[in-house]
Protein backbone atom coordinates (compact mmCIF):
# COMPACT_ATOMS: atom_id res chain seq x y z
CA UNK A 1 31.14 15.67 -16.25
CA UNK A 2 28.15 14.78 -15.88
CA UNK A 3 27.29 11.08 -16.58
CA UNK A 4 23.17 11.05 -17.89
CA UNK A 5 23.54 6.88 -16.52
CA UNK A 6 24.74 8.34 -12.59
CA UNK A 7 21.58 10.95 -12.39
CA UNK A 8 18.14 8.01 -14.20
CA UNK A 9 19.28 5.36 -11.77
CA UNK A 10 17.26 6.93 -9.00
CA UNK A 11 14.17 6.34 -11.20
CA UNK A 12 15.10 3.21 -12.47
CA UNK A 13 13.69 0.81 -9.84
CA UNK A 14 9.77 3.53 -9.57
CA UNK A 15 7.88 -0.21 -10.65
CA UNK A 16 9.58 -2.38 -8.32
CA UNK A 17 8.81 -0.06 -5.43
CA UNK A 18 5.10 -0.07 -6.05
CA UNK A 19 4.77 -4.03 -6.85
CA UNK A 20 6.31 -4.29 -3.35
CA UNK A 21 3.27 -1.16 -2.04
CA UNK A 22 0.88 -3.66 -3.38
CA UNK A 23 2.39 -6.34 -1.51
CA UNK A 24 3.00 -5.28 1.77
CA UNK A 25 -0.74 -4.27 1.49
CA UNK A 26 -2.14 -7.01 0.43
CA UNK A 27 -0.49 -9.10 3.31
CA UNK A 28 -1.50 -6.71 5.70
CA UNK A 29 -5.21 -7.15 4.32
CA UNK A 30 -4.55 -11.13 4.79
CA UNK A 31 -2.79 -10.49 8.32
CA UNK A 32 -4.91 -8.22 9.82
CA UNK A 33 -8.79 -9.15 8.48
CA UNK A 34 -8.31 -12.08 6.82
CA UNK A 35 -9.10 -11.01 3.19
CA UNK A 36 -7.04 -12.46 0.37
CA UNK A 37 -8.67 -10.76 -2.73
CA UNK A 38 -9.20 -6.75 -3.34
CA UNK A 39 -8.84 -4.38 -5.63
CA UNK A 40 -7.02 -1.63 -4.31
CA UNK A 41 -4.70 1.48 -5.53
CA UNK A 42 -3.17 3.74 -3.87
CA UNK A 43 -3.24 7.82 -4.40
CA UNK A 44 -1.24 10.70 -2.16
CA UNK A 45 -1.17 8.95 0.94
CA UNK A 46 -4.74 7.11 1.01
CA UNK A 47 -5.47 3.47 0.31
CA UNK A 48 -9.05 3.98 -1.53
CA UNK A 49 -10.52 0.32 -2.48
CA UNK A 50 -12.43 -1.16 -5.20
CA UNK A 51 -14.58 -3.91 -3.44
CA UNK A 52 -17.82 -5.03 -2.00
CA UNK A 53 -19.65 -3.14 0.51
CA UNK A 54 -19.24 -6.18 2.72
CA UNK A 55 -15.68 -6.16 2.59
CA UNK A 56 -14.82 -2.66 2.82
CA UNK A 57 -16.66 -2.59 6.07
CA UNK A 58 -14.80 -5.38 7.34
CA UNK A 59 -11.79 -3.31 6.59
CA UNK A 60 -13.10 -0.17 7.72
CA UNK A 61 -13.67 -1.28 11.46
CA UNK A 62 -9.76 -2.72 11.62
CA UNK A 63 -8.61 0.51 9.77
CA UNK A 64 -6.76 2.18 13.10
CA UNK A 65 -5.32 -1.90 13.17
CA UNK A 66 -4.60 -2.12 9.40
CA UNK A 67 -3.12 2.01 9.72
CA UNK A 68 -0.68 1.01 12.31
CA UNK A 69 0.18 -2.37 10.85
CA UNK A 70 1.15 -0.93 7.55
CA UNK A 71 3.39 2.08 9.75
CA UNK A 72 5.07 -0.50 11.79
CA UNK A 73 6.24 -2.66 8.32
CA UNK A 74 6.70 -0.77 6.33
CA UNK A 75 7.78 2.70 7.03
CA UNK A 76 7.90 4.08 2.82
CA UNK A 77 4.29 3.56 2.48
CA UNK A 78 2.78 6.52 4.07
CA UNK A 79 -0.47 5.48 4.30
CA UNK A 80 -2.78 7.66 6.33
CA UNK A 81 -5.55 6.64 5.22
CA UNK A 82 -8.41 4.54 3.78
CA UNK A 83 -11.55 5.22 1.79
């Protein structure tokens, strides 16, 4: 017989995954660029920055390092671009 609880179990931790992903991105930006407070959004594998131009340029100068760091430490993240 079909058990609805087992079917819905795979959706139980979706919010936790996004929170975990945000923590990993913040830790990466702190480790690579020494930036602690930043607003961003992740859509379809792209990290969209919502911050001032100075911080954006620091992040863009280290773009490859950030993407490689994320791929090594968080392979499920699938972030391939920063804008």
